[in-house]
Amino acid sequence: MTETRKPTFENRCIISCGILHPEINHLIETGFLNSPHVLFTPPGLHALPERLEKHLIKRLDQARAWCPNHEIIVVYGKKCHISTEEPHKRVDTILQDQGEGIVRVQGEYGYDMLAGVEERQRISGGREDKTLWFTLGWLKSWKTIFQHYFGWDKADANANFPGFYDGIIVLDTLDIADTYMAERAEEILDLFDWTGLEVQFYPITLDRFQGLLLDTLSPQGGQGV
């Protein structure tokens, strides 16, 4: 009887936005992602499209030292690159310019890879579009993204958060809520004070993310560009 091998990432190079660094690292540690080469770009570069493109191309150049294009997987959302100066440029067009065969994990944004729109509607009680969705990477990097990259101050926060969002929901993929609230409660209070939004942790599994990653191993899966 022939044993059917489960699909693995042993011959793949992975490039991911740092926003999903905690989840990717967990999947490496648990053996799901057995790729020998995993590279990250800094989290939150959607706020700086030109820098996003430069970092992504740099990581692609590094990955090609080990993998041809058709063995490179990019973990970036479809809408993570939006520029008013180049409105037609997206992550996919950047990858297309780098050659054929690169595969992108399907998802609009990083948080969409963790919880799809239907699940987010359920979690938010039908208020998906009025919720500010955080991954664990967002929780770690929000000051860098909002205050440094966007350059917002408290007045900007008051103009952009209350009234537009009901609150912040952290997609807790690694079950850190209790530990975080016990050991780093001041950081949550700081986030609440700056945004004016209540912060809620919501536990979810990594099932959707794992499924989307596995899809990239199939000729019909992922998004080849």
N, C-alpha and C. Protein backbone atom coordinates (compact mmCIF):
# COMPACT_ATOMS: atom_id res chain seq x y z
N MET A 1 0.85 -1.20 0.00
CA MET A 1 0.00 0.00 0.00
C MET A 1 0.89 1.25 0.00
N THR A 2 0.61 2.13 -0.93
CA THR A 2 1.41 3.34 -1.05
C THR A 2 0.95 4.38 -0.05
N GLU A 3 1.89 4.91 0.70
CA GLU A 3 1.55 5.94 1.69
C GLU A 3 1.47 7.29 1.01
N THR A 4 0.38 8.00 1.27
CA THR A 4 0.18 9.33 0.69
C THR A 4 0.84 10.37 1.57
N ARG A 5 1.77 11.10 1.00
CA ARG A 5 2.47 12.13 1.77
C ARG A 5 1.60 13.37 1.91
N LYS A 6 1.57 13.91 3.08
CA LYS A 6 0.86 15.16 3.28
C LYS A 6 1.68 16.30 2.66
N PRO A 7 1.00 17.31 2.12
CA PRO A 7 1.74 18.43 1.52
C PRO A 7 2.54 19.17 2.59
N THR A 8 3.75 19.56 2.24
CA THR A 8 4.60 20.29 3.17
C THR A 8 5.19 21.51 2.47
N PHE A 9 5.84 22.33 3.26
CA PHE A 9 6.45 23.56 2.76
C PHE A 9 7.97 23.45 2.69
N GLU A 10 8.48 22.22 2.69
CA GLU A 10 9.92 22.01 2.80
C GLU A 10 10.70 22.56 1.62
N ASN A 11 10.04 22.73 0.47
CA ASN A 11 10.72 23.28 -0.70
C ASN A 11 10.24 24.69 -1.04
N ARG A 12 9.65 25.36 -0.08
CA ARG A 12 9.09 26.68 -0.32
C ARG A 12 9.83 27.76 0.49
N CYS A 13 9.92 28.94 -0.10
CA CYS A 13 10.37 30.12 0.63
C CYS A 13 9.14 30.98 0.91
N ILE A 14 9.07 31.49 2.11
CA ILE A 14 7.89 32.26 2.52
C ILE A 14 8.31 33.68 2.88
N ILE A 15 7.58 34.64 2.33
CA ILE A 15 7.78 36.05 2.65
C ILE A 15 6.49 36.57 3.25
N SER A 16 6.53 37.09 4.46
CA SER A 16 5.32 37.53 5.14
C SER A 16 5.47 38.94 5.69
N CYS A 17 4.36 39.66 5.71
CA CYS A 17 4.30 40.91 6.45
C CYS A 17 4.51 40.61 7.93
N GLY A 18 5.25 41.46 8.60
CA GLY A 18 5.52 41.26 10.02
C GLY A 18 4.30 41.32 10.91
N ILE A 19 3.18 41.83 10.39
CA ILE A 19 1.93 41.85 11.16
C ILE A 19 1.54 40.44 11.58
N LEU A 20 1.88 39.44 10.76
CA LEU A 20 1.53 38.05 11.06
C LEU A 20 2.71 37.26 11.63
N HIS A 21 3.70 37.97 12.11
CA HIS A 21 4.89 37.32 12.68
C HIS A 21 4.54 36.36 13.82
N PRO A 22 3.69 36.73 14.79
CA PRO A 22 3.39 35.78 15.88
C PRO A 22 2.75 34.49 15.38
N GLU A 23 1.81 34.61 14.44
CA GLU A 23 1.12 33.42 13.93
C GLU A 23 2.06 32.55 13.10
N ILE A 24 2.86 33.18 12.23
CA ILE A 24 3.82 32.42 11.42
C ILE A 24 4.82 31.69 12.31
N ASN A 25 5.35 32.39 13.30
CA ASN A 25 6.32 31.76 14.21
C ASN A 25 5.70 30.57 14.94
N HIS A 26 4.45 30.72 15.36
CA HIS A 26 3.77 29.61 16.05
C HIS A 26 3.65 28.40 15.12
N LEU A 27 3.30 28.64 13.87
CA LEU A 27 3.16 27.54 12.92
C LEU A 27 4.51 26.89 12.61
N ILE A 28 5.59 27.67 12.69
CA ILE A 28 6.93 27.09 12.54
C ILE A 28 7.27 26.22 13.75
N GLU A 29 7.01 26.75 14.93
CA GLU A 29 7.35 26.04 16.17
C GLU A 29 6.56 24.75 16.32
N THR A 30 5.32 24.73 15.83
CA THR A 30 4.49 23.52 15.96
C THR A 30 4.69 22.55 14.82
N GLY A 31 5.55 22.90 13.85
CA GLY A 31 5.88 21.98 12.78
C GLY A 31 5.01 22.06 11.54
N PHE A 32 3.98 22.89 11.56
CA PHE A 32 3.11 23.01 10.39
C PHE A 32 3.86 23.64 9.22
N LEU A 33 4.57 24.72 9.50
CA LEU A 33 5.36 25.40 8.47
C LEU A 33 6.80 24.91 8.58
N ASN A 34 7.17 23.98 7.71
CA ASN A 34 8.53 23.44 7.76
C ASN A 34 9.40 24.02 6.66
N SER A 35 9.08 25.25 6.25
CA SER A 35 9.90 25.93 5.26
C SER A 35 11.26 26.26 5.86
N PRO A 36 12.34 26.02 5.11
CA PRO A 36 13.67 26.33 5.64
C PRO A 36 14.00 27.82 5.57
N HIS A 37 13.19 28.60 4.84
CA HIS A 37 13.49 30.01 4.65
C HIS A 37 12.21 30.83 4.79
N VAL A 38 12.08 31.55 5.89
CA VAL A 38 10.93 32.41 6.15
C VAL A 38 11.45 33.83 6.40
N LEU A 39 11.01 34.77 5.59
CA LEU A 39 11.46 36.15 5.67
C LEU A 39 10.28 37.06 5.99
N PHE A 40 10.56 38.14 6.72
CA PHE A 40 9.50 39.09 7.09
C PHE A 40 9.86 40.50 6.63
N THR A 41 8.83 41.24 6.26
CA THR A 41 8.98 42.68 6.06
C THR A 41 8.48 43.36 7.33
N PRO A 42 8.87 44.61 7.59
CA PRO A 42 8.40 45.30 8.79
C PRO A 42 6.87 45.39 8.82
N PRO A 43 6.26 45.28 9.99
CA PRO A 43 4.80 45.35 10.07
C PRO A 43 4.28 46.75 9.79
N GLY A 44 3.10 46.80 9.15
CA GLY A 44 2.40 48.08 8.99
C GLY A 44 2.83 48.94 7.84
N LEU A 45 3.57 48.39 6.87
CA LEU A 45 4.05 49.22 5.77
C LEU A 45 2.95 49.58 4.77
N HIS A 46 1.73 49.07 4.97
CA HIS A 46 0.62 49.53 4.13
C HIS A 46 0.44 51.04 4.27
N ALA A 47 0.90 51.57 5.40
CA ALA A 47 0.82 53.02 5.62
C ALA A 47 1.84 53.78 4.78
N LEU A 48 2.87 53.08 4.30
CA LEU A 48 3.94 53.69 3.50
C LEU A 48 4.15 52.84 2.25
N PRO A 49 3.28 52.98 1.24
CA PRO A 49 3.30 52.08 0.08
C PRO A 49 4.65 51.97 -0.62
N GLU A 50 5.37 53.09 -0.75
CA GLU A 50 6.66 53.02 -1.45
C GLU A 50 7.65 52.16 -0.68
N ARG A 51 7.64 52.30 0.64
CA ARG A 51 8.54 51.48 1.46
C ARG A 51 8.12 50.02 1.44
N LEU A 52 6.81 49.77 1.40
CA LEU A 52 6.32 48.40 1.31
C LEU A 52 6.88 47.73 0.06
N GLU A 53 6.76 48.42 -1.08
CA GLU A 53 7.24 47.86 -2.33
C GLU A 53 8.74 47.57 -2.27
N LYS A 54 9.52 48.50 -1.74
CA LYS A 54 10.97 48.31 -1.66
C LYS A 54 11.33 47.12 -0.77
N HIS A 55 10.67 47.03 0.39
CA HIS A 55 10.97 45.92 1.30
C HIS A 55 10.54 44.59 0.70
N LEU A 56 9.38 44.57 0.04
CA LEU A 56 8.91 43.33 -0.56
C LEU A 56 9.85 42.85 -1.66
N ILE A 57 10.28 43.76 -2.52
CA ILE A 57 11.21 43.39 -3.59
C ILE A 57 12.55 42.93 -3.02
N LYS A 58 13.01 43.59 -1.96
CA LYS A 58 14.26 43.18 -1.31
C LYS A 58 14.16 41.75 -0.80
N ARG A 59 13.03 41.42 -0.15
CA ARG A 59 12.85 40.06 0.37
C ARG A 59 12.73 39.04 -0.78
N LEU A 60 12.08 39.44 -1.88
CA LEU A 60 12.00 38.54 -3.03
C LEU A 60 13.40 38.25 -3.59
N ASP A 61 14.22 39.27 -3.68
CA ASP A 61 15.59 39.08 -4.16
C ASP A 61 16.35 38.12 -3.24
N GLN A 62 16.14 38.27 -1.92
CA GLN A 62 16.80 37.36 -0.98
C GLN A 62 16.30 35.94 -1.13
N ALA A 63 14.97 35.80 -1.29
CA ALA A 63 14.37 34.46 -1.39
C ALA A 63 14.86 33.72 -2.62
N ARG A 64 15.14 34.43 -3.70
CA ARG A 64 15.57 33.79 -4.94
C ARG A 64 16.96 33.15 -4.82
N ALA A 65 17.66 33.44 -3.76
CA ALA A 65 18.93 32.75 -3.51
C ALA A 65 18.69 31.28 -3.18
N TRP A 66 17.47 30.96 -2.74
CA TRP A 66 17.14 29.58 -2.35
C TRP A 66 16.03 28.97 -3.20
N CYS A 67 15.11 29.81 -3.70
CA CYS A 67 13.92 29.28 -4.36
C CYS A 67 13.65 30.00 -5.68
N PRO A 68 13.22 29.24 -6.71
CA PRO A 68 12.73 29.90 -7.92
C PRO A 68 11.36 30.52 -7.65
N ASN A 69 10.89 31.35 -8.56
CA ASN A 69 9.63 32.07 -8.35
C ASN A 69 8.47 31.15 -7.96
N HIS A 70 8.36 29.99 -8.64
CA HIS A 70 7.19 29.13 -8.41
C HIS A 70 7.24 28.41 -7.05
N GLU A 71 8.31 28.61 -6.31
CA GLU A 71 8.39 28.03 -4.96
C GLU A 71 8.38 29.13 -3.88
N ILE A 72 8.02 30.35 -4.28
CA ILE A 72 7.94 31.46 -3.33
C ILE A 72 6.47 31.74 -2.99
N ILE A 73 6.18 31.81 -1.71
CA ILE A 73 4.83 32.12 -1.21
C ILE A 73 4.88 33.46 -0.50
N VAL A 74 4.00 34.38 -0.89
CA VAL A 74 3.95 35.71 -0.28
C VAL A 74 2.69 35.81 0.58
N VAL A 75 2.89 36.13 1.85
CA VAL A 75 1.77 36.25 2.79
C VAL A 75 1.47 37.73 2.98
N TYR A 76 0.74 38.27 2.02
CA TYR A 76 0.34 39.67 2.02
C TYR A 76 -1.09 39.76 1.52
N GLY A 77 -1.88 40.65 2.08
CA GLY A 77 -3.25 40.82 1.61
C GLY A 77 -3.31 41.52 0.27
N LYS A 78 -4.39 41.23 -0.45
CA LYS A 78 -4.59 41.81 -1.78
C LYS A 78 -4.59 43.33 -1.75
N LYS A 79 -5.13 43.91 -0.66
CA LYS A 79 -5.31 45.35 -0.57
C LYS A 79 -4.30 46.03 0.36
N CYS A 80 -3.20 45.35 0.64
CA CYS A 80 -2.22 45.93 1.56
C CYS A 80 -1.36 47.02 0.92
N HIS A 81 -1.40 47.13 -0.38
CA HIS A 81 -0.71 48.24 -1.05
C HIS A 81 -1.75 49.09 -1.77
N ILE A 82 -2.01 50.26 -1.24
CA ILE A 82 -2.93 51.21 -1.87
C ILE A 82 -2.25 52.57 -1.85
N SER A 83 -2.05 53.14 -3.04
CA SER A 83 -1.35 54.42 -3.16
C SER A 83 -2.19 55.38 -3.99
N THR A 84 -2.38 56.58 -3.48
CA THR A 84 -3.11 57.60 -4.25
C THR A 84 -2.31 58.04 -5.47
N GLU A 85 -0.99 57.92 -5.37
CA GLU A 85 -0.14 58.32 -6.50
C GLU A 85 -0.13 57.27 -7.61
N GLU A 86 -0.30 56.01 -7.23
CA GLU A 86 -0.36 54.92 -8.21
C GLU A 86 -1.58 54.05 -7.89
N PRO A 87 -2.79 54.55 -8.20
CA PRO A 87 -4.01 53.88 -7.76
C PRO A 87 -4.21 52.48 -8.34
N HIS A 88 -3.55 52.15 -9.44
CA HIS A 88 -3.73 50.83 -10.04
C HIS A 88 -2.73 49.80 -9.52
N LYS A 89 -1.76 50.26 -8.74
CA LYS A 89 -0.74 49.34 -8.23
C LYS A 89 -1.26 48.63 -6.98
N ARG A 90 -1.10 47.34 -6.95
CA ARG A 90 -1.46 46.51 -5.81
C ARG A 90 -0.31 45.53 -5.54
N VAL A 91 -0.44 44.76 -4.48
CA VAL A 91 0.58 43.74 -4.19
C VAL A 91 0.73 42.80 -5.38
N ASP A 92 -0.37 42.41 -6.00
CA ASP A 92 -0.29 41.48 -7.12
C ASP A 92 0.45 42.07 -8.32
N THR A 93 0.26 43.35 -8.59
CA THR A 93 0.98 43.94 -9.73
C THR A 93 2.48 44.04 -9.43
N ILE A 94 2.83 44.30 -8.18
CA ILE A 94 4.24 44.30 -7.79
C ILE A 94 4.85 42.92 -8.03
N LEU A 95 4.12 41.88 -7.63
CA LEU A 95 4.62 40.52 -7.81
C LEU A 95 4.69 40.15 -9.29
N GLN A 96 3.71 40.57 -10.07
CA GLN A 96 3.73 40.30 -11.51
C GLN A 96 4.97 40.90 -12.16
N ASP A 97 5.34 42.09 -11.72
CA ASP A 97 6.52 42.74 -12.29
C ASP A 97 7.81 41.99 -11.94
N GLN A 98 7.73 41.14 -10.92
CA GLN A 98 8.90 40.37 -10.51
C GLN A 98 9.02 39.03 -11.23
N GLY A 99 8.06 38.74 -12.10
CA GLY A 99 8.11 37.49 -12.87
C GLY A 99 6.96 36.57 -12.54
N GLU A 100 6.76 35.57 -13.39
CA GLU A 100 5.64 34.64 -13.22
C GLU A 100 5.94 33.59 -12.16
N GLY A 101 4.85 33.07 -11.57
CA GLY A 101 4.97 31.91 -10.70
C GLY A 101 4.86 32.16 -9.22
N ILE A 102 5.11 33.38 -8.77
CA ILE A 102 5.02 33.69 -7.34
C ILE A 102 3.56 33.55 -6.90
N VAL A 103 3.34 32.93 -5.77
CA VAL A 103 1.99 32.70 -5.28
C VAL A 103 1.73 33.55 -4.04
N ARG A 104 0.57 34.19 -4.01
CA ARG A 104 0.19 34.98 -2.84
C ARG A 104 -0.95 34.28 -2.11
N VAL A 105 -0.87 34.23 -0.79
CA VAL A 105 -1.96 33.68 0.01
C VAL A 105 -3.21 34.54 -0.18
N GLN A 106 -4.35 33.89 -0.37
CA GLN A 106 -5.58 34.62 -0.61
C GLN A 106 -6.07 35.33 0.65
N GLY A 107 -6.49 36.56 0.51
CA GLY A 107 -6.99 37.36 1.62
C GLY A 107 -6.93 38.82 1.26
N GLU A 108 -7.89 39.59 1.75
CA GLU A 108 -7.90 41.01 1.47
C GLU A 108 -6.82 41.74 2.29
N TYR A 109 -6.73 41.36 3.55
CA TYR A 109 -5.76 41.94 4.49
C TYR A 109 -5.22 40.82 5.37
N GLY A 110 -4.25 41.15 6.21
CA GLY A 110 -3.72 40.14 7.12
C GLY A 110 -4.78 39.57 8.03
N TYR A 111 -5.61 40.43 8.61
CA TYR A 111 -6.63 39.93 9.54
C TYR A 111 -7.67 39.08 8.83
N ASP A 112 -7.89 39.35 7.52
CA ASP A 112 -8.84 38.55 6.75
C ASP A 112 -8.33 37.13 6.57
N MET A 113 -7.02 36.93 6.59
CA MET A 113 -6.46 35.58 6.49
C MET A 113 -6.73 34.78 7.76
N LEU A 114 -6.94 35.48 8.86
CA LEU A 114 -7.20 34.80 10.14
C LEU A 114 -8.69 34.55 10.35
N ALA A 115 -9.52 35.52 9.95
CA ALA A 115 -10.97 35.39 10.11
C ALA A 115 -11.64 36.02 8.90
N GLY A 116 -12.37 35.22 8.14
CA GLY A 116 -13.04 35.73 6.95
C GLY A 116 -14.18 36.66 7.30
N VAL A 117 -14.75 37.29 6.29
CA VAL A 117 -15.77 38.32 6.53
C VAL A 117 -16.98 37.75 7.26
N GLU A 118 -17.40 36.53 6.92
CA GLU A 118 -18.56 35.95 7.60
C GLU A 118 -18.27 35.72 9.08
N GLU A 119 -17.09 35.24 9.38
CA GLU A 119 -16.72 35.03 10.79
C GLU A 119 -16.61 36.36 11.52
N ARG A 120 -16.08 37.37 10.85
CA ARG A 120 -15.97 38.69 11.49
C ARG A 120 -17.36 39.30 11.72
N GLN A 121 -18.27 39.06 10.82
CA GLN A 121 -19.65 39.53 11.04
C GLN A 121 -20.24 38.86 12.27
N ARG A 122 -19.99 37.57 12.41
CA ARG A 122 -20.51 36.84 13.58
C ARG A 122 -19.87 37.35 14.87
N ILE A 123 -18.56 37.51 14.84
CA ILE A 123 -17.84 37.96 16.04
C ILE A 123 -18.31 39.35 16.47
N SER A 124 -18.55 40.23 15.50
CA SER A 124 -18.88 41.63 15.79
C SER A 124 -20.38 41.89 15.88
N GLY A 125 -21.18 40.83 15.80
CA GLY A 125 -22.63 41.03 15.86
C GLY A 125 -23.15 41.80 14.66
N GLY A 126 -22.59 41.52 13.47
CA GLY A 126 -23.04 42.18 12.26
C GLY A 126 -22.45 43.56 12.05
N ARG A 127 -21.42 43.90 12.82
CA ARG A 127 -20.81 45.24 12.73
C ARG A 127 -19.37 45.12 12.24
N GLU A 128 -19.13 44.24 11.31
CA GLU A 128 -17.77 43.99 10.82
C GLU A 128 -17.10 45.25 10.32
N ASP A 129 -17.83 46.05 9.56
CA ASP A 129 -17.22 47.25 8.97
C ASP A 129 -17.10 48.40 9.95
N LYS A 130 -17.66 48.24 11.15
CA LYS A 130 -17.55 49.28 12.19
C LYS A 130 -16.60 48.85 13.30
N THR A 131 -15.83 47.80 13.04
CA THR A 131 -14.88 47.27 14.01
C THR A 131 -13.47 47.46 13.49
N LEU A 132 -12.57 47.90 14.36
CA LEU A 132 -11.15 48.00 14.03
C LEU A 132 -10.51 46.67 14.42
N TRP A 133 -10.12 45.90 13.40
CA TRP A 133 -9.61 44.54 13.63
C TRP A 133 -8.10 44.56 13.83
N PHE A 134 -7.68 43.95 14.92
CA PHE A 134 -6.26 43.84 15.24
C PHE A 134 -5.83 42.38 15.19
N THR A 135 -4.68 42.12 14.59
CA THR A 135 -3.98 40.86 14.82
C THR A 135 -3.07 41.08 16.04
N LEU A 136 -2.41 40.02 16.49
CA LEU A 136 -1.48 40.18 17.61
C LEU A 136 -0.31 41.07 17.21
N GLY A 137 0.07 41.03 15.93
CA GLY A 137 1.13 41.91 15.45
C GLY A 137 0.70 43.37 15.47
N TRP A 138 -0.55 43.64 15.15
CA TRP A 138 -1.08 45.00 15.25
C TRP A 138 -1.03 45.48 16.70
N LEU A 139 -1.41 44.60 17.62
CA LEU A 139 -1.40 44.97 19.03
C LEU A 139 -0.01 45.38 19.48
N LYS A 140 0.99 44.71 18.97
CA LYS A 140 2.38 45.00 19.33
C LYS A 140 2.89 46.27 18.65
N SER A 141 2.39 46.56 17.44
CA SER A 141 3.01 47.59 16.61
C SER A 141 2.15 48.82 16.37
N TRP A 142 1.02 48.95 17.07
CA TRP A 142 0.07 50.02 16.72
C TRP A 142 0.68 51.41 16.86
N LYS A 143 1.52 51.62 17.85
CA LYS A 143 2.12 52.95 18.01
C LYS A 143 3.03 53.29 16.82
N THR A 144 3.83 52.32 16.39
CA THR A 144 4.69 52.55 15.23
C THR A 144 3.85 52.89 14.00
N ILE A 145 2.78 52.13 13.79
CA ILE A 145 1.96 52.31 12.59
C ILE A 145 1.22 53.64 12.61
N PHE A 146 0.47 53.88 13.68
CA PHE A 146 -0.37 55.08 13.71
C PHE A 146 0.42 56.35 13.99
N GLN A 147 1.33 56.30 14.96
CA GLN A 147 2.00 57.52 15.40
C GLN A 147 3.24 57.83 14.57
N HIS A 148 3.96 56.81 14.13
CA HIS A 148 5.19 57.06 13.37
C HIS A 148 4.93 57.03 11.86
N TYR A 149 4.34 55.93 11.37
CA TYR A 149 4.12 55.81 9.93
C TYR A 149 3.06 56.80 9.43
N PHE A 150 1.88 56.79 10.06
CA PHE A 150 0.84 57.73 9.66
C PHE A 150 1.10 59.13 10.18
N GLY A 151 1.86 59.24 11.27
CA GLY A 151 2.17 60.54 11.86
C GLY A 151 1.00 61.17 12.58
N TRP A 152 0.09 60.36 13.12
CA TRP A 152 -1.08 60.89 13.82
C TRP A 152 -0.74 61.27 15.25
N ASP A 153 -1.38 62.35 15.71
CA ASP A 153 -1.31 62.70 17.14
C ASP A 153 -2.68 62.42 17.76
N LYS A 154 -2.86 62.85 19.00
CA LYS A 154 -4.11 62.56 19.71
C LYS A 154 -5.32 63.17 18.99
N ALA A 155 -5.13 64.35 18.42
CA ALA A 155 -6.23 65.00 17.70
C ALA A 155 -6.62 64.18 16.47
N ASP A 156 -5.63 63.65 15.76
CA ASP A 156 -5.92 62.79 14.61
C ASP A 156 -6.66 61.53 15.04
N ALA A 157 -6.24 60.98 16.17
CA ALA A 157 -6.90 59.77 16.68
C ALA A 157 -8.37 60.07 17.00
N ASN A 158 -8.62 61.22 17.63
CA ASN A 158 -10.00 61.59 17.96
C ASN A 158 -10.85 61.77 16.71
N ALA A 159 -10.20 62.21 15.63
CA ALA A 159 -10.93 62.44 14.38
C ALA A 159 -11.17 61.17 13.58
N ASN A 160 -10.35 60.13 13.83
CA ASN A 160 -10.41 58.94 12.99
C ASN A 160 -10.99 57.69 13.65
N PHE A 161 -11.12 57.69 14.98
CA PHE A 161 -11.59 56.47 15.63
C PHE A 161 -13.00 56.57 16.21
N PRO A 162 -13.24 57.35 17.28
CA PRO A 162 -14.60 57.41 17.83
C PRO A 162 -15.58 57.95 16.79
N GLY A 163 -16.73 57.31 16.72
CA GLY A 163 -17.72 57.71 15.74
C GLY A 163 -17.62 56.91 14.46
N PHE A 164 -16.43 56.43 14.14
CA PHE A 164 -16.25 55.60 12.95
C PHE A 164 -16.24 54.11 13.32
N TYR A 165 -15.73 53.80 14.52
CA TYR A 165 -15.63 52.40 14.95
C TYR A 165 -16.34 52.21 16.30
N ASP A 166 -16.91 51.01 16.46
CA ASP A 166 -17.52 50.66 17.75
C ASP A 166 -16.47 50.29 18.77
N GLY A 167 -15.38 49.69 18.31
CA GLY A 167 -14.34 49.24 19.22
C GLY A 167 -13.27 48.48 18.47
N ILE A 168 -12.29 47.99 19.22
CA ILE A 168 -11.20 47.19 18.68
C ILE A 168 -11.39 45.75 19.10
N ILE A 169 -11.31 44.83 18.16
CA ILE A 169 -11.33 43.41 18.48
C ILE A 169 -9.99 42.81 18.07
N VAL A 170 -9.29 42.23 19.04
CA VAL A 170 -8.03 41.56 18.78
C VAL A 170 -8.32 40.09 18.49
N LEU A 171 -7.96 39.64 17.30
CA LEU A 171 -8.14 38.23 16.93
C LEU A 171 -7.05 37.42 17.64
N ASP A 172 -7.44 36.79 18.74
CA ASP A 172 -6.49 36.15 19.64
C ASP A 172 -6.25 34.70 19.20
N THR A 173 -5.33 34.54 18.28
CA THR A 173 -5.03 33.22 17.72
C THR A 173 -4.18 32.35 18.63
N LEU A 174 -3.50 32.96 19.60
CA LEU A 174 -2.55 32.22 20.43
C LEU A 174 -2.94 32.20 21.90
N ASP A 175 -4.21 32.58 22.18
CA ASP A 175 -4.75 32.50 23.53
C ASP A 175 -3.90 33.27 24.55
N ILE A 176 -3.64 34.54 24.23
CA ILE A 176 -2.78 35.34 25.09
C ILE A 176 -3.55 36.32 25.96
N ALA A 177 -4.87 36.36 25.85
CA ALA A 177 -5.65 37.42 26.48
C ALA A 177 -5.39 37.52 27.98
N ASP A 178 -5.51 36.40 28.69
CA ASP A 178 -5.37 36.44 30.15
C ASP A 178 -3.98 36.89 30.56
N THR A 179 -2.96 36.35 29.90
CA THR A 179 -1.59 36.73 30.21
C THR A 179 -1.34 38.19 29.91
N TYR A 180 -1.85 38.64 28.76
CA TYR A 180 -1.64 40.03 28.34
C TYR A 180 -2.29 40.99 29.32
N MET A 181 -3.52 40.68 29.71
CA MET A 181 -4.24 41.58 30.63
C MET A 181 -3.61 41.57 32.02
N ALA A 182 -3.00 40.45 32.41
CA ALA A 182 -2.38 40.37 33.73
C ALA A 182 -1.03 41.06 33.76
N GLU A 183 -0.27 40.93 32.67
CA GLU A 183 1.11 41.40 32.68
C GLU A 183 1.32 42.71 31.93
N ARG A 184 0.41 43.06 31.03
CA ARG A 184 0.62 44.24 30.19
C ARG A 184 -0.65 45.08 30.08
N ALA A 185 -1.40 45.11 31.17
CA ALA A 185 -2.68 45.82 31.16
C ALA A 185 -2.51 47.30 30.84
N GLU A 186 -1.38 47.87 31.23
CA GLU A 186 -1.16 49.30 30.97
C GLU A 186 -1.09 49.60 29.47
N GLU A 187 -0.63 48.62 28.69
CA GLU A 187 -0.57 48.81 27.24
C GLU A 187 -1.97 48.85 26.64
N ILE A 188 -2.87 48.04 27.16
CA ILE A 188 -4.27 48.06 26.70
C ILE A 188 -4.92 49.38 27.09
N LEU A 189 -4.64 49.85 28.30
CA LEU A 189 -5.19 51.14 28.75
C LEU A 189 -4.66 52.28 27.90
N ASP A 190 -3.40 52.19 27.51
CA ASP A 190 -2.79 53.20 26.64
C ASP A 190 -3.48 53.22 25.28
N LEU A 191 -3.74 52.05 24.72
CA LEU A 191 -4.43 51.95 23.44
C LEU A 191 -5.84 52.50 23.54
N PHE A 192 -6.54 52.16 24.62
CA PHE A 192 -7.90 52.68 24.83
C PHE A 192 -7.89 54.20 24.97
N ASP A 193 -6.93 54.70 25.74
CA ASP A 193 -6.86 56.15 25.96
C ASP A 193 -6.58 56.90 24.67
N TRP A 194 -5.72 56.35 23.83
CA TRP A 194 -5.33 57.06 22.61
C TRP A 194 -6.40 56.99 21.53
N THR A 195 -7.05 55.83 21.40
CA THR A 195 -8.05 55.68 20.34
C THR A 195 -9.46 56.03 20.81
N GLY A 196 -9.70 55.96 22.12
CA GLY A 196 -11.07 56.14 22.62
C GLY A 196 -11.95 54.94 22.35
N LEU A 197 -11.35 53.79 22.02
CA LEU A 197 -12.10 52.59 21.68
C LEU A 197 -11.84 51.48 22.70
N GLU A 198 -12.91 50.81 23.11
CA GLU A 198 -12.77 49.66 23.99
C GLU A 198 -12.05 48.54 23.25
N VAL A 199 -11.17 47.84 23.96
CA VAL A 199 -10.38 46.75 23.37
C VAL A 199 -10.90 45.42 23.90
N GLN A 200 -11.22 44.54 22.97
CA GLN A 200 -11.73 43.22 23.32
C GLN A 200 -10.91 42.14 22.64
N PHE A 201 -10.53 41.10 23.38
CA PHE A 201 -9.86 39.95 22.79
C PHE A 201 -10.91 38.91 22.41
N TYR A 202 -10.74 38.31 21.24
CA TYR A 202 -11.66 37.26 20.83
C TYR A 202 -10.84 36.05 20.37
N PRO A 203 -11.00 34.90 21.05
CA PRO A 203 -10.20 33.72 20.69
C PRO A 203 -10.69 33.10 19.39
N ILE A 204 -9.75 32.83 18.49
CA ILE A 204 -10.04 32.10 17.26
C ILE A 204 -8.94 31.08 17.02
N THR A 205 -9.20 30.13 16.13
CA THR A 205 -8.18 29.14 15.78
C THR A 205 -7.37 29.65 14.58
N LEU A 206 -6.34 28.92 14.25
CA LEU A 206 -5.54 29.22 13.06
C LEU A 206 -5.98 28.37 11.87
N ASP A 207 -7.14 27.74 11.96
CA ASP A 207 -7.59 26.83 10.91
C ASP A 207 -7.69 27.51 9.55
N ARG A 208 -8.30 28.69 9.51
CA ARG A 208 -8.46 29.38 8.22
C ARG A 208 -7.09 29.72 7.63
N PHE A 209 -6.20 30.24 8.45
CA PHE A 209 -4.87 30.63 7.98
C PHE A 209 -4.11 29.41 7.46
N GLN A 210 -4.17 28.32 8.19
CA GLN A 210 -3.49 27.10 7.76
C GLN A 210 -4.06 26.60 6.43
N GLY A 211 -5.38 26.67 6.29
CA GLY A 211 -6.00 26.23 5.04
C GLY A 211 -5.58 27.08 3.86
N LEU A 212 -5.50 28.40 4.06
CA LEU A 212 -5.07 29.29 2.98
C LEU A 212 -3.61 29.04 2.60
N LEU A 213 -2.79 28.76 3.60
CA LEU A 213 -1.39 28.44 3.31
C LEU A 213 -1.28 27.13 2.53
N LEU A 214 -2.05 26.13 2.92
CA LEU A 214 -2.03 24.86 2.20
C LEU A 214 -2.53 25.01 0.77
N ASP A 215 -3.47 25.92 0.56
CA ASP A 215 -4.00 26.16 -0.79
C ASP A 215 -2.89 26.58 -1.76
N THR A 216 -1.87 27.25 -1.25
CA THR A 216 -0.81 27.74 -2.13
C THR A 216 0.04 26.60 -2.70
N LEU A 217 -0.06 25.42 -2.08
CA LEU A 217 0.73 24.27 -2.56
C LEU A 217 0.06 23.57 -3.72
N SER A 218 -1.20 23.90 -3.97
CA SER A 218 -1.95 23.28 -5.07
C SER A 218 -1.86 24.16 -6.31
N PRO A 219 -1.76 23.54 -7.49
CA PRO A 219 -1.74 24.35 -8.72
C PRO A 219 -2.97 25.23 -8.88
N GLN A 220 -4.10 24.80 -8.26
CA GLN A 220 -5.32 25.58 -8.36
C GLN A 220 -5.49 26.53 -7.18
N GLY A 221 -4.62 26.41 -6.16
CA GLY A 221 -4.80 27.20 -4.95
C GLY A 221 -4.00 28.47 -4.95
N GLY A 222 -4.25 29.29 -3.92
CA GLY A 222 -3.53 30.55 -3.79
C GLY A 222 -3.82 31.47 -4.95
N GLN A 223 -2.96 32.43 -5.16
CA GLN A 223 -3.11 33.39 -6.25
C GLN A 223 -1.79 33.49 -6.96
N GLY A 224 -1.67 32.78 -8.07
CA GLY A 224 -0.44 32.86 -8.85
C GLY A 224 -0.41 34.16 -9.63
N VAL A 225 0.74 34.81 -9.67
CA VAL A 225 0.84 36.10 -10.36
C VAL A 225 2.04 36.10 -11.29
